[in-house]
Amino acid sequence: MIAVAHGTRDPEGPAVLEELLVHVRRRLPDVDIQIAYVDVIGPMLDEVLAGVGGAPVVVPMFLASGYHVRVDVPRAIESAGSGAVVTDALGPDDAVVEAVADRLNEAGQNLDAVVMAAAGSADENALAEVEVAAAKLSGLLDRDVVAAYITTATPTVADAVGRLRAAGHQRIGVASYLLAPGLFLRRLDDVGADVVAPPIGVHPRVVDVVVRRYHSASP
């Protein structure tokens, strides 16, 4: 299995992915599990694929199926001449949304309103998946959740928080729809919320999703 992520220069990002896969390996002790990236840092996916025989299972460690999942991953597989099988991305699986809810609840209680902060994409299908995740989070929290974006798409997180303030909400929380620390998380420091939840990180429900993705595609 190859877990492929975006990549970040923040050393905490790869560290979180490595730790997450430690737990996945415990659940899949007979599976060779490797890490690859599509941007910023290596090893790149085509490089890892070139060193793996057969038909590995590629699990995109993304929370929506944007450009990297739809274009970069298939392109790398084609470039490597690999027979790899690609699974669905991690989001907007129910278990991932449950992990987001857990992180928000750990960060703060008694919130009047919630903004779910996602990375953002120019891909309409990816944005639609984020909206699905926000609707699921709303059901778990039993309150309205506004989907907003850190880059590329609108509304921005700061704008969403500002609109909620203008509507009279006193205590606003931001649920981070992000897997690991990095630049996107740091951009949430000044959005005007009372509580900003940490990224999902290493969470047993995410481990469950990765294991299920692997089993869904393995012979």
N, C-alpha and C. Protein backbone atom coordinates (compact mmCIF):
# COMPACT_ATOMS: atom_id res chain seq x y z
N MET A 1 0.84 -1.18 0.00
CA MET A 1 0.00 0.00 0.00
C MET A 1 0.88 1.24 0.00
N ILE A 2 0.50 2.22 -0.81
CA ILE A 2 1.20 3.50 -0.83
C ILE A 2 0.22 4.58 -0.38
N ALA A 3 0.55 5.22 0.72
CA ALA A 3 -0.25 6.35 1.20
C ALA A 3 0.34 7.60 0.59
N VAL A 4 -0.44 8.30 -0.24
CA VAL A 4 0.08 9.47 -0.93
C VAL A 4 -0.58 10.73 -0.38
N ALA A 5 0.26 11.70 -0.02
CA ALA A 5 -0.21 12.95 0.57
C ALA A 5 0.30 14.12 -0.26
N HIS A 6 -0.16 15.32 0.09
CA HIS A 6 0.25 16.50 -0.66
C HIS A 6 1.72 16.82 -0.46
N GLY A 7 2.14 16.89 0.78
CA GLY A 7 3.51 17.30 1.09
C GLY A 7 3.54 18.70 1.66
N THR A 8 4.39 18.93 2.65
CA THR A 8 4.54 20.24 3.28
C THR A 8 5.97 20.36 3.80
N ARG A 9 6.47 21.60 3.83
CA ARG A 9 7.81 21.82 4.40
C ARG A 9 7.78 21.87 5.91
N ASP A 10 6.59 21.95 6.49
CA ASP A 10 6.46 21.90 7.94
C ASP A 10 6.79 20.48 8.41
N PRO A 11 7.83 20.30 9.22
CA PRO A 11 8.23 18.95 9.62
C PRO A 11 7.15 18.19 10.39
N GLU A 12 6.20 18.92 11.00
CA GLU A 12 5.14 18.23 11.73
C GLU A 12 4.21 17.47 10.79
N GLY A 13 4.04 17.95 9.56
CA GLY A 13 3.14 17.29 8.63
C GLY A 13 3.54 15.86 8.33
N PRO A 14 4.77 15.63 7.80
CA PRO A 14 5.22 14.26 7.56
C PRO A 14 5.29 13.42 8.83
N ALA A 15 5.58 14.06 9.97
CA ALA A 15 5.65 13.32 11.23
C ALA A 15 4.28 12.76 11.60
N VAL A 16 3.23 13.57 11.40
CA VAL A 16 1.88 13.10 11.68
C VAL A 16 1.52 11.93 10.76
N LEU A 17 1.85 12.06 9.48
CA LEU A 17 1.55 10.98 8.54
C LEU A 17 2.29 9.70 8.92
N GLU A 18 3.55 9.83 9.29
CA GLU A 18 4.33 8.66 9.71
C GLU A 18 3.70 7.99 10.93
N GLU A 19 3.29 8.80 11.91
CA GLU A 19 2.69 8.24 13.12
C GLU A 19 1.35 7.57 12.81
N LEU A 20 0.57 8.20 11.95
CA LEU A 20 -0.71 7.62 11.56
C LEU A 20 -0.50 6.25 10.92
N LEU A 21 0.51 6.15 10.07
CA LEU A 21 0.75 4.88 9.39
C LEU A 21 1.35 3.82 10.31
N VAL A 22 1.95 4.24 11.42
CA VAL A 22 2.37 3.25 12.43
C VAL A 22 1.16 2.46 12.90
N HIS A 23 0.06 3.16 13.14
CA HIS A 23 -1.17 2.51 13.60
C HIS A 23 -1.81 1.68 12.48
N VAL A 24 -1.72 2.16 11.25
CA VAL A 24 -2.24 1.39 10.12
C VAL A 24 -1.46 0.09 9.97
N ARG A 25 -0.15 0.15 10.12
CA ARG A 25 0.67 -1.05 9.99
C ARG A 25 0.33 -2.09 11.06
N ARG A 26 -0.05 -1.63 12.23
CA ARG A 26 -0.46 -2.58 13.27
C ARG A 26 -1.73 -3.32 12.87
N ARG A 27 -2.58 -2.65 12.12
CA ARG A 27 -3.82 -3.25 11.66
C ARG A 27 -3.61 -4.10 10.40
N LEU A 28 -2.53 -3.81 9.67
CA LEU A 28 -2.23 -4.53 8.42
C LEU A 28 -0.79 -5.04 8.49
N PRO A 29 -0.52 -5.96 9.42
CA PRO A 29 0.88 -6.35 9.67
C PRO A 29 1.56 -7.04 8.50
N ASP A 30 0.81 -7.60 7.59
CA ASP A 30 1.42 -8.31 6.46
C ASP A 30 1.52 -7.45 5.19
N VAL A 31 1.21 -6.18 5.30
CA VAL A 31 1.21 -5.29 4.14
C VAL A 31 2.41 -4.35 4.21
N ASP A 32 3.14 -4.25 3.10
CA ASP A 32 4.24 -3.29 2.98
C ASP A 32 3.62 -1.92 2.71
N ILE A 33 3.76 -1.01 3.66
CA ILE A 33 3.12 0.30 3.54
C ILE A 33 4.19 1.37 3.39
N GLN A 34 4.08 2.13 2.31
CA GLN A 34 5.05 3.18 2.02
C GLN A 34 4.34 4.53 1.89
N ILE A 35 5.14 5.59 1.98
CA ILE A 35 4.62 6.96 1.89
C ILE A 35 5.16 7.62 0.63
N ALA A 36 4.30 8.41 -0.01
CA ALA A 36 4.73 9.19 -1.17
C ALA A 36 4.00 10.53 -1.14
N TYR A 37 4.48 11.46 -1.94
CA TYR A 37 3.89 12.80 -2.01
C TYR A 37 3.70 13.23 -3.45
N VAL A 38 2.83 14.22 -3.65
CA VAL A 38 2.61 14.73 -5.00
C VAL A 38 3.19 16.12 -5.19
N ASP A 39 3.64 16.78 -4.11
CA ASP A 39 4.14 18.14 -4.24
C ASP A 39 5.04 18.47 -3.06
N VAL A 40 5.89 19.45 -3.22
CA VAL A 40 6.71 20.10 -2.20
C VAL A 40 7.89 19.24 -1.73
N ILE A 41 7.63 18.02 -1.28
CA ILE A 41 8.70 17.17 -0.75
C ILE A 41 8.62 15.78 -1.38
N GLY A 42 9.68 15.01 -1.19
CA GLY A 42 9.71 13.64 -1.68
C GLY A 42 9.67 12.66 -0.53
N PRO A 43 9.60 11.35 -0.88
CA PRO A 43 9.67 10.83 -2.26
C PRO A 43 8.36 11.07 -3.01
N MET A 44 8.49 11.38 -4.31
CA MET A 44 7.31 11.59 -5.14
C MET A 44 6.67 10.25 -5.48
N LEU A 45 5.38 10.31 -5.78
CA LEU A 45 4.63 9.08 -6.01
C LEU A 45 5.20 8.26 -7.16
N ASP A 46 5.57 8.89 -8.27
CA ASP A 46 6.09 8.11 -9.40
C ASP A 46 7.40 7.41 -9.03
N GLU A 47 8.21 8.04 -8.17
CA GLU A 47 9.46 7.42 -7.73
C GLU A 47 9.19 6.18 -6.88
N VAL A 48 8.23 6.28 -5.98
CA VAL A 48 7.90 5.13 -5.13
C VAL A 48 7.30 4.01 -5.97
N LEU A 49 6.41 4.36 -6.88
CA LEU A 49 5.79 3.35 -7.74
C LEU A 49 6.82 2.62 -8.58
N ALA A 50 7.85 3.33 -9.03
CA ALA A 50 8.88 2.72 -9.86
C ALA A 50 9.64 1.61 -9.12
N GLY A 51 9.65 1.71 -7.80
CA GLY A 51 10.37 0.71 -7.01
C GLY A 51 9.49 -0.38 -6.45
N VAL A 52 8.22 -0.36 -6.83
CA VAL A 52 7.27 -1.34 -6.30
C VAL A 52 6.71 -2.17 -7.46
N GLY A 53 6.76 -3.46 -7.32
CA GLY A 53 6.21 -4.32 -8.36
C GLY A 53 4.74 -4.60 -8.17
N GLY A 54 4.17 -5.32 -9.11
CA GLY A 54 2.78 -5.74 -9.00
C GLY A 54 1.81 -4.59 -9.14
N ALA A 55 0.70 -4.69 -8.41
CA ALA A 55 -0.36 -3.68 -8.47
C ALA A 55 -0.63 -3.15 -7.07
N PRO A 56 0.18 -2.21 -6.61
CA PRO A 56 -0.02 -1.69 -5.25
C PRO A 56 -1.33 -0.92 -5.13
N VAL A 57 -1.81 -0.81 -3.92
CA VAL A 57 -3.00 -0.01 -3.64
C VAL A 57 -2.52 1.38 -3.21
N VAL A 58 -2.98 2.40 -3.93
CA VAL A 58 -2.63 3.78 -3.60
C VAL A 58 -3.82 4.41 -2.88
N VAL A 59 -3.57 4.85 -1.65
CA VAL A 59 -4.61 5.48 -0.86
C VAL A 59 -4.33 6.98 -0.78
N PRO A 60 -5.14 7.82 -1.44
CA PRO A 60 -4.93 9.27 -1.36
C PRO A 60 -5.30 9.78 0.04
N MET A 61 -4.33 10.37 0.72
CA MET A 61 -4.56 10.88 2.07
C MET A 61 -5.06 12.33 1.98
N PHE A 62 -6.13 12.50 1.24
CA PHE A 62 -6.74 13.80 1.02
C PHE A 62 -8.18 13.76 1.53
N LEU A 63 -8.68 14.93 1.91
CA LEU A 63 -10.04 14.99 2.45
C LEU A 63 -11.08 15.33 1.40
N ALA A 64 -10.63 15.60 0.17
CA ALA A 64 -11.54 15.81 -0.96
C ALA A 64 -10.80 15.43 -2.23
N SER A 65 -11.56 15.10 -3.25
CA SER A 65 -10.97 14.60 -4.50
C SER A 65 -10.76 15.74 -5.48
N GLY A 66 -9.81 16.61 -5.17
CA GLY A 66 -9.48 17.73 -6.04
C GLY A 66 -8.45 17.36 -7.09
N TYR A 67 -7.74 18.37 -7.58
CA TYR A 67 -6.80 18.21 -8.69
C TYR A 67 -5.74 17.15 -8.41
N HIS A 68 -5.19 17.16 -7.20
CA HIS A 68 -4.11 16.21 -6.91
C HIS A 68 -4.60 14.77 -7.01
N VAL A 69 -5.81 14.51 -6.55
CA VAL A 69 -6.36 13.15 -6.59
C VAL A 69 -6.79 12.78 -8.01
N ARG A 70 -7.42 13.71 -8.71
CA ARG A 70 -7.97 13.41 -10.02
C ARG A 70 -6.92 13.42 -11.13
N VAL A 71 -5.87 14.27 -10.96
CA VAL A 71 -4.90 14.46 -12.04
C VAL A 71 -3.50 13.99 -11.67
N ASP A 72 -2.96 14.51 -10.56
CA ASP A 72 -1.57 14.20 -10.21
C ASP A 72 -1.35 12.73 -9.93
N VAL A 73 -2.26 12.12 -9.17
CA VAL A 73 -2.08 10.71 -8.83
C VAL A 73 -2.16 9.82 -10.08
N PRO A 74 -3.19 9.92 -10.91
CA PRO A 74 -3.22 9.10 -12.14
C PRO A 74 -2.04 9.38 -13.06
N ARG A 75 -1.61 10.63 -13.13
CA ARG A 75 -0.47 10.97 -14.00
C ARG A 75 0.80 10.28 -13.51
N ALA A 76 1.01 10.25 -12.20
CA ALA A 76 2.18 9.60 -11.65
C ALA A 76 2.15 8.10 -11.91
N ILE A 77 0.96 7.51 -11.79
CA ILE A 77 0.82 6.08 -12.06
C ILE A 77 1.13 5.77 -13.52
N GLU A 78 0.63 6.61 -14.41
CA GLU A 78 0.89 6.41 -15.84
C GLU A 78 2.37 6.60 -16.14
N SER A 79 2.99 7.62 -15.53
CA SER A 79 4.40 7.89 -15.76
C SER A 79 5.27 6.73 -15.32
N ALA A 80 4.88 6.08 -14.22
CA ALA A 80 5.66 4.95 -13.69
C ALA A 80 5.34 3.64 -14.40
N GLY A 81 4.33 3.64 -15.26
CA GLY A 81 3.92 2.40 -15.92
C GLY A 81 3.42 1.37 -14.93
N SER A 82 2.76 1.84 -13.90
CA SER A 82 2.33 0.97 -12.81
C SER A 82 0.90 0.48 -13.03
N GLY A 83 0.62 -0.69 -12.47
CA GLY A 83 -0.75 -1.21 -12.47
C GLY A 83 -1.45 -0.92 -11.17
N ALA A 84 -1.07 0.16 -10.51
CA ALA A 84 -1.61 0.49 -9.19
C ALA A 84 -3.12 0.73 -9.25
N VAL A 85 -3.77 0.38 -8.15
CA VAL A 85 -5.20 0.62 -7.98
C VAL A 85 -5.35 1.77 -7.00
N VAL A 86 -6.14 2.77 -7.38
CA VAL A 86 -6.33 3.95 -6.54
C VAL A 86 -7.67 3.87 -5.83
N THR A 87 -7.67 4.10 -4.54
CA THR A 87 -8.91 4.10 -3.77
C THR A 87 -9.52 5.50 -3.74
N ASP A 88 -10.68 5.62 -3.13
CA ASP A 88 -11.27 6.93 -2.87
C ASP A 88 -10.39 7.68 -1.88
N ALA A 89 -10.50 9.01 -1.90
CA ALA A 89 -9.85 9.83 -0.88
C ALA A 89 -10.48 9.54 0.49
N LEU A 90 -9.90 10.09 1.54
CA LEU A 90 -10.40 9.82 2.89
C LEU A 90 -11.72 10.53 3.17
N GLY A 91 -11.88 11.74 2.68
CA GLY A 91 -13.11 12.48 2.91
C GLY A 91 -14.05 12.35 1.74
N PRO A 92 -15.33 12.61 1.98
CA PRO A 92 -15.97 13.01 3.25
C PRO A 92 -16.55 11.83 4.02
N ASP A 93 -15.76 10.81 4.25
CA ASP A 93 -16.22 9.63 4.99
C ASP A 93 -16.75 10.03 6.36
N ASP A 94 -17.80 9.35 6.81
CA ASP A 94 -18.40 9.64 8.12
C ASP A 94 -17.36 9.59 9.24
N ALA A 95 -16.46 8.62 9.17
CA ALA A 95 -15.48 8.46 10.24
C ALA A 95 -14.53 9.65 10.31
N VAL A 96 -14.16 10.20 9.18
CA VAL A 96 -13.29 11.38 9.16
C VAL A 96 -14.02 12.56 9.79
N VAL A 97 -15.28 12.74 9.47
CA VAL A 97 -16.06 13.85 10.03
C VAL A 97 -16.20 13.66 11.55
N GLU A 98 -16.36 12.44 12.00
CA GLU A 98 -16.41 12.18 13.43
C GLU A 98 -15.12 12.61 14.11
N ALA A 99 -13.99 12.38 13.45
CA ALA A 99 -12.70 12.80 14.00
C ALA A 99 -12.61 14.32 14.07
N VAL A 100 -13.14 15.00 13.06
CA VAL A 100 -13.16 16.48 13.07
C VAL A 100 -13.99 16.97 14.24
N ALA A 101 -15.14 16.36 14.46
CA ALA A 101 -16.00 16.74 15.58
C ALA A 101 -15.29 16.52 16.92
N ASP A 102 -14.58 15.42 17.04
CA ASP A 102 -13.84 15.15 18.28
C ASP A 102 -12.82 16.25 18.56
N ARG A 103 -12.06 16.63 17.53
CA ARG A 103 -11.03 17.66 17.72
C ARG A 103 -11.65 19.00 18.13
N LEU A 104 -12.79 19.33 17.53
CA LEU A 104 -13.44 20.59 17.89
C LEU A 104 -13.95 20.53 19.33
N ASN A 105 -14.56 19.42 19.70
CA ASN A 105 -15.08 19.29 21.07
C ASN A 105 -13.97 19.32 22.10
N GLU A 106 -12.82 18.79 21.74
CA GLU A 106 -11.68 18.83 22.66
C GLU A 106 -11.15 20.25 22.82
N ALA A 107 -11.29 21.06 21.75
CA ALA A 107 -10.73 22.42 21.77
C ALA A 107 -11.61 23.41 22.51
N GLY A 108 -12.92 23.21 22.48
CA GLY A 108 -13.79 24.16 23.14
C GLY A 108 -15.24 23.75 23.12
N GLN A 109 -15.96 24.16 24.12
CA GLN A 109 -17.37 23.83 24.25
C GLN A 109 -18.22 25.09 24.21
N ASN A 110 -19.55 24.88 24.23
CA ASN A 110 -20.51 25.99 24.28
C ASN A 110 -20.33 26.99 23.15
N LEU A 111 -20.16 26.47 21.94
CA LEU A 111 -19.99 27.32 20.77
C LEU A 111 -21.36 27.69 20.20
N ASP A 112 -21.51 28.94 19.81
CA ASP A 112 -22.76 29.39 19.21
C ASP A 112 -22.83 29.04 17.73
N ALA A 113 -21.67 29.01 17.08
CA ALA A 113 -21.64 28.76 15.64
C ALA A 113 -20.30 28.12 15.29
N VAL A 114 -20.30 27.40 14.17
CA VAL A 114 -19.09 26.67 13.76
C VAL A 114 -18.81 26.92 12.28
N VAL A 115 -17.53 27.18 11.99
CA VAL A 115 -17.05 27.24 10.62
C VAL A 115 -16.13 26.05 10.40
N MET A 116 -16.37 25.28 9.35
CA MET A 116 -15.48 24.18 9.02
C MET A 116 -14.49 24.67 7.97
N ALA A 117 -13.22 24.73 8.35
CA ALA A 117 -12.18 25.29 7.51
C ALA A 117 -11.50 24.20 6.69
N ALA A 118 -11.65 24.28 5.37
CA ALA A 118 -11.03 23.31 4.46
C ALA A 118 -9.95 24.02 3.64
N ALA A 119 -9.10 23.23 3.02
CA ALA A 119 -7.98 23.80 2.27
C ALA A 119 -8.45 24.66 1.11
N GLY A 120 -9.48 24.22 0.41
CA GLY A 120 -9.96 24.95 -0.76
C GLY A 120 -9.48 24.31 -2.04
N SER A 121 -10.22 24.54 -3.12
CA SER A 121 -9.91 23.93 -4.41
C SER A 121 -10.62 24.70 -5.50
N ALA A 122 -10.10 24.62 -6.72
CA ALA A 122 -10.80 25.17 -7.88
C ALA A 122 -11.72 24.13 -8.49
N ASP A 123 -11.70 22.93 -7.95
CA ASP A 123 -12.50 21.83 -8.47
C ASP A 123 -13.88 21.83 -7.80
N GLU A 124 -14.92 21.97 -8.60
CA GLU A 124 -16.28 22.05 -8.05
C GLU A 124 -16.68 20.76 -7.34
N ASN A 125 -16.23 19.62 -7.85
CA ASN A 125 -16.55 18.34 -7.20
C ASN A 125 -15.92 18.26 -5.82
N ALA A 126 -14.69 18.76 -5.70
CA ALA A 126 -14.02 18.75 -4.40
C ALA A 126 -14.76 19.66 -3.42
N LEU A 127 -15.18 20.83 -3.89
CA LEU A 127 -15.93 21.74 -3.02
C LEU A 127 -17.26 21.13 -2.60
N ALA A 128 -17.88 20.39 -3.52
CA ALA A 128 -19.14 19.72 -3.18
C ALA A 128 -18.91 18.68 -2.08
N GLU A 129 -17.79 18.00 -2.11
CA GLU A 129 -17.47 17.02 -1.08
C GLU A 129 -17.26 17.70 0.28
N VAL A 130 -16.65 18.87 0.26
CA VAL A 130 -16.48 19.62 1.50
C VAL A 130 -17.84 20.02 2.08
N GLU A 131 -18.75 20.43 1.21
CA GLU A 131 -20.10 20.78 1.67
C GLU A 131 -20.80 19.56 2.29
N VAL A 132 -20.59 18.40 1.70
CA VAL A 132 -21.15 17.16 2.27
C VAL A 132 -20.58 16.92 3.66
N ALA A 133 -19.27 17.11 3.80
CA ALA A 133 -18.64 16.93 5.12
C ALA A 133 -19.19 17.93 6.12
N ALA A 134 -19.40 19.17 5.70
CA ALA A 134 -19.95 20.19 6.61
C ALA A 134 -21.36 19.83 7.06
N ALA A 135 -22.15 19.28 6.14
CA ALA A 135 -23.51 18.86 6.50
C ALA A 135 -23.47 17.71 7.51
N LYS A 136 -22.55 16.80 7.32
CA LYS A 136 -22.40 15.69 8.26
C LYS A 136 -21.96 16.20 9.63
N LEU A 137 -21.03 17.16 9.63
CA LEU A 137 -20.56 17.73 10.89
C LEU A 137 -21.68 18.46 11.60
N SER A 138 -22.51 19.14 10.84
CA SER A 138 -23.67 19.82 11.42
C SER A 138 -24.58 18.85 12.15
N GLY A 139 -24.79 17.68 11.54
CA GLY A 139 -25.62 16.67 12.18
C GLY A 139 -25.00 16.14 13.46
N LEU A 140 -23.69 15.98 13.47
CA LEU A 140 -23.02 15.47 14.68
C LEU A 140 -23.04 16.49 15.81
N LEU A 141 -22.87 17.76 15.45
CA LEU A 141 -22.79 18.82 16.47
C LEU A 141 -24.16 19.38 16.84
N ASP A 142 -25.15 19.04 16.04
CA ASP A 142 -26.52 19.54 16.24
C ASP A 142 -26.57 21.07 16.22
N ARG A 143 -25.89 21.63 15.24
CA ARG A 143 -25.93 23.07 15.02
C ARG A 143 -25.48 23.35 13.59
N ASP A 144 -25.77 24.54 13.10
CA ASP A 144 -25.36 24.89 11.75
C ASP A 144 -23.85 24.95 11.64
N VAL A 145 -23.34 24.44 10.52
CA VAL A 145 -21.90 24.50 10.23
C VAL A 145 -21.72 25.14 8.86
N VAL A 146 -20.90 26.17 8.79
CA VAL A 146 -20.62 26.86 7.54
C VAL A 146 -19.29 26.35 6.98
N ALA A 147 -19.29 25.87 5.75
CA ALA A 147 -18.05 25.46 5.10
C ALA A 147 -17.34 26.71 4.57
N ALA A 148 -16.04 26.81 4.84
CA ALA A 148 -15.25 27.94 4.36
C ALA A 148 -13.86 27.44 4.00
N TYR A 149 -13.09 28.31 3.34
CA TYR A 149 -11.86 27.84 2.71
C TYR A 149 -10.67 28.72 3.05
N ILE A 150 -9.52 28.09 3.17
CA ILE A 150 -8.30 28.78 3.54
C ILE A 150 -7.65 29.42 2.31
N THR A 151 -7.87 28.85 1.14
CA THR A 151 -7.33 29.40 -0.08
C THR A 151 -8.21 29.01 -1.25
N THR A 152 -8.07 29.71 -2.35
CA THR A 152 -8.66 29.38 -3.66
C THR A 152 -10.17 29.61 -3.76
N ALA A 153 -10.95 29.07 -2.84
CA ALA A 153 -12.41 29.14 -2.93
C ALA A 153 -12.97 30.12 -1.91
N THR A 154 -14.24 30.42 -2.07
CA THR A 154 -14.94 31.32 -1.14
C THR A 154 -16.16 30.61 -0.57
N PRO A 155 -16.63 31.05 0.63
CA PRO A 155 -16.08 32.16 1.43
C PRO A 155 -14.78 31.78 2.11
N THR A 156 -13.96 32.77 2.39
CA THR A 156 -12.78 32.50 3.20
C THR A 156 -13.22 32.24 4.64
N VAL A 157 -12.34 31.65 5.39
CA VAL A 157 -12.67 31.36 6.80
C VAL A 157 -12.91 32.65 7.57
N ALA A 158 -12.06 33.64 7.34
CA ALA A 158 -12.22 34.91 8.05
C ALA A 158 -13.55 35.57 7.69
N ASP A 159 -13.92 35.51 6.42
CA ASP A 159 -15.20 36.10 6.01
C ASP A 159 -16.37 35.37 6.67
N ALA A 160 -16.29 34.06 6.72
CA ALA A 160 -17.37 33.28 7.33
C ALA A 160 -17.50 33.61 8.81
N VAL A 161 -16.37 33.72 9.50
CA VAL A 161 -16.40 34.09 10.91
C VAL A 161 -16.99 35.48 11.08
N GLY A 162 -16.56 36.42 10.21
CA GLY A 162 -17.07 37.79 10.30
C GLY A 162 -18.57 37.87 10.09
N ARG A 163 -19.09 37.10 9.16
CA ARG A 163 -20.54 37.11 8.91
C ARG A 163 -21.31 36.55 10.11
N LEU A 164 -20.75 35.53 10.73
CA LEU A 164 -21.40 34.98 11.91
C LEU A 164 -21.39 35.98 13.06
N ARG A 165 -20.28 36.72 13.20
CA ARG A 165 -20.22 37.77 14.23
C ARG A 165 -21.29 38.82 13.96
N ALA A 166 -21.39 39.22 12.69
CA ALA A 166 -22.36 40.25 12.33
C ALA A 166 -23.79 39.79 12.56
N ALA A 167 -23.99 38.48 12.49
CA ALA A 167 -25.33 37.92 12.72
C ALA A 167 -25.65 37.77 14.20
N GLY A 168 -24.68 38.10 15.06
CA GLY A 168 -24.95 38.11 16.49
C GLY A 168 -24.40 36.92 17.25
N HIS A 169 -23.65 36.06 16.61
CA HIS A 169 -23.08 34.90 17.32
C HIS A 169 -21.92 35.36 18.19
N GLN A 170 -21.91 34.92 19.43
CA GLN A 170 -20.92 35.39 20.40
C GLN A 170 -19.67 34.52 20.46
N ARG A 171 -19.86 33.21 20.40
CA ARG A 171 -18.72 32.30 20.57
C ARG A 171 -18.65 31.39 19.35
N ILE A 172 -17.62 31.61 18.54
CA ILE A 172 -17.51 30.94 17.25
C ILE A 172 -16.29 30.02 17.24
N GLY A 173 -16.49 28.80 16.80
CA GLY A 173 -15.40 27.83 16.70
C GLY A 173 -15.09 27.49 15.27
N VAL A 174 -13.83 27.21 14.99
CA VAL A 174 -13.40 26.75 13.67
C VAL A 174 -12.99 25.29 13.79
N ALA A 175 -13.67 24.44 13.06
CA ALA A 175 -13.31 23.03 12.98
C ALA A 175 -12.35 22.87 11.81
N SER A 176 -11.17 22.34 12.07
CA SER A 176 -10.14 22.24 11.03
C SER A 176 -10.33 20.97 10.21
N TYR A 177 -10.75 21.16 8.96
CA TYR A 177 -10.89 20.02 8.05
C TYR A 177 -9.57 19.83 7.33
N LEU A 178 -8.56 19.54 8.14
CA LEU A 178 -7.19 19.36 7.69
C LEU A 178 -6.63 18.12 8.36
N LEU A 179 -5.82 17.37 7.64
CA LEU A 179 -5.29 16.14 8.22
C LEU A 179 -4.10 16.39 9.13
N ALA A 180 -3.23 17.33 8.75
CA ALA A 180 -1.98 17.52 9.49
C ALA A 180 -1.60 18.99 9.55
N PRO A 181 -0.68 19.36 10.45
CA PRO A 181 -0.22 20.75 10.52
C PRO A 181 0.49 21.17 9.24
N GLY A 182 0.62 22.48 9.08
CA GLY A 182 1.28 23.03 7.90
C GLY A 182 0.86 24.47 7.71
N LEU A 183 1.17 25.01 6.53
CA LEU A 183 0.87 26.40 6.23
C LEU A 183 -0.62 26.72 6.37
N PHE A 184 -1.47 25.81 5.89
CA PHE A 184 -2.91 26.08 5.94
C PHE A 184 -3.39 26.24 7.38
N LEU A 185 -2.90 25.42 8.28
CA LEU A 185 -3.31 25.53 9.68
C LEU A 185 -2.86 26.86 10.27
N ARG A 186 -1.64 27.30 9.95
CA ARG A 186 -1.14 28.56 10.49
C ARG A 186 -1.98 29.74 10.01
N ARG A 187 -2.59 29.62 8.85
CA ARG A 187 -3.42 30.71 8.34
C ARG A 187 -4.73 30.86 9.11
N LEU A 188 -5.02 29.94 10.00
CA LEU A 188 -6.22 30.04 10.81
C LEU A 188 -5.99 30.81 12.11
N ASP A 189 -4.75 31.25 12.33
CA ASP A 189 -4.43 31.92 13.59
C ASP A 189 -5.18 33.24 13.75
N ASP A 190 -5.44 33.92 12.65
CA ASP A 190 -5.98 35.27 12.73
C ASP A 190 -7.33 35.41 12.03
N VAL A 191 -8.17 34.40 12.14
CA VAL A 191 -9.46 34.47 11.44
C VAL A 191 -10.56 35.06 12.32
N GLY A 192 -10.25 35.36 13.58
CA GLY A 192 -11.21 36.02 14.45
C GLY A 192 -12.12 35.09 15.23
N ALA A 193 -11.83 33.81 15.24
CA ALA A 193 -12.65 32.86 15.98
C ALA A 193 -12.22 32.80 17.45
N ASP A 194 -13.13 32.32 18.29
CA ASP A 194 -12.82 32.13 19.70
C ASP A 194 -12.05 30.84 19.94
N VAL A 195 -12.33 29.85 19.11
CA VAL A 195 -11.68 28.54 19.23
C VAL A 195 -11.29 28.06 17.85
N VAL A 196 -10.07 27.63 17.69
CA VAL A 196 -9.63 26.98 16.45
C VAL A 196 -9.14 25.58 16.81
N ALA A 197 -9.83 24.59 16.32
CA ALA A 197 -9.47 23.21 16.64
C ALA A 197 -8.20 22.81 15.91
N PRO A 198 -7.43 21.89 16.47
CA PRO A 198 -6.25 21.38 15.77
C PRO A 198 -6.66 20.53 14.59
N PRO A 199 -5.72 20.19 13.71
CA PRO A 199 -6.05 19.28 12.61
C PRO A 199 -6.41 17.90 13.14
N ILE A 200 -6.92 17.08 12.27
CA ILE A 200 -7.37 15.74 12.68
C ILE A 200 -6.22 14.95 13.28
N GLY A 201 -5.08 14.94 12.61
CA GLY A 201 -3.91 14.24 13.11
C GLY A 201 -4.11 12.74 13.22
N VAL A 202 -3.46 12.16 14.22
CA VAL A 202 -3.55 10.71 14.43
C VAL A 202 -4.81 10.43 15.24
N HIS A 203 -5.80 9.84 14.58
CA HIS A 203 -7.08 9.58 15.20
C HIS A 203 -7.53 8.17 14.80
N PRO A 204 -8.04 7.39 15.75
CA PRO A 204 -8.41 6.00 15.43
C PRO A 204 -9.44 5.88 14.31
N ARG A 205 -10.32 6.87 14.18
CA ARG A 205 -11.32 6.78 13.12
C ARG A 205 -10.68 6.96 11.75
N VAL A 206 -9.63 7.76 11.66
CA VAL A 206 -8.92 7.90 10.39
C VAL A 206 -8.15 6.61 10.06
N VAL A 207 -7.57 6.00 11.07
CA VAL A 207 -6.93 4.70 10.87
C VAL A 207 -7.94 3.71 10.30
N ASP A 208 -9.15 3.72 10.85
CA ASP A 208 -10.20 2.84 10.35
C ASP A 208 -10.45 3.07 8.85
N VAL A 209 -10.52 4.34 8.44
CA VAL A 209 -10.81 4.65 7.04
C VAL A 209 -9.69 4.16 6.13
N VAL A 210 -8.44 4.39 6.53
CA VAL A 210 -7.31 3.96 5.69
C VAL A 210 -7.32 2.45 5.52
N VAL A 211 -7.57 1.74 6.60
CA VAL A 211 -7.62 0.27 6.53
C VAL A 211 -8.76 -0.18 5.62
N ARG A 212 -9.92 0.47 5.75
CA ARG A 212 -11.05 0.11 4.88
C ARG A 212 -10.76 0.41 3.43
N ARG A 213 -10.11 1.56 3.17
CA ARG A 213 -9.77 1.88 1.79
C ARG A 213 -8.86 0.80 1.20
N TYR A 214 -7.88 0.37 1.98
CA TYR A 214 -6.98 -0.68 1.48
C TYR A 214 -7.75 -1.97 1.17
N HIS A 215 -8.59 -2.41 2.10
CA HIS A 215 -9.32 -3.65 1.89
C HIS A 215 -10.29 -3.54 0.72
N SER A 216 -10.81 -2.34 0.47
CA SER A 216 -11.77 -2.17 -0.63
C SER A 216 -11.13 -2.38 -1.99
N ALA A 217 -9.79 -2.22 -2.06
CA ALA A 217 -9.12 -2.31 -3.35
C ALA A 217 -8.18 -3.49 -3.49
N SER A 218 -7.84 -4.13 -2.37
CA SER A 218 -6.89 -5.24 -2.43
C SER A 218 -7.60 -6.52 -2.86
N PRO A 219 -6.89 -7.42 -3.56
CA PRO A 219 -7.51 -8.67 -4.03
C PRO A 219 -8.03 -9.51 -2.88
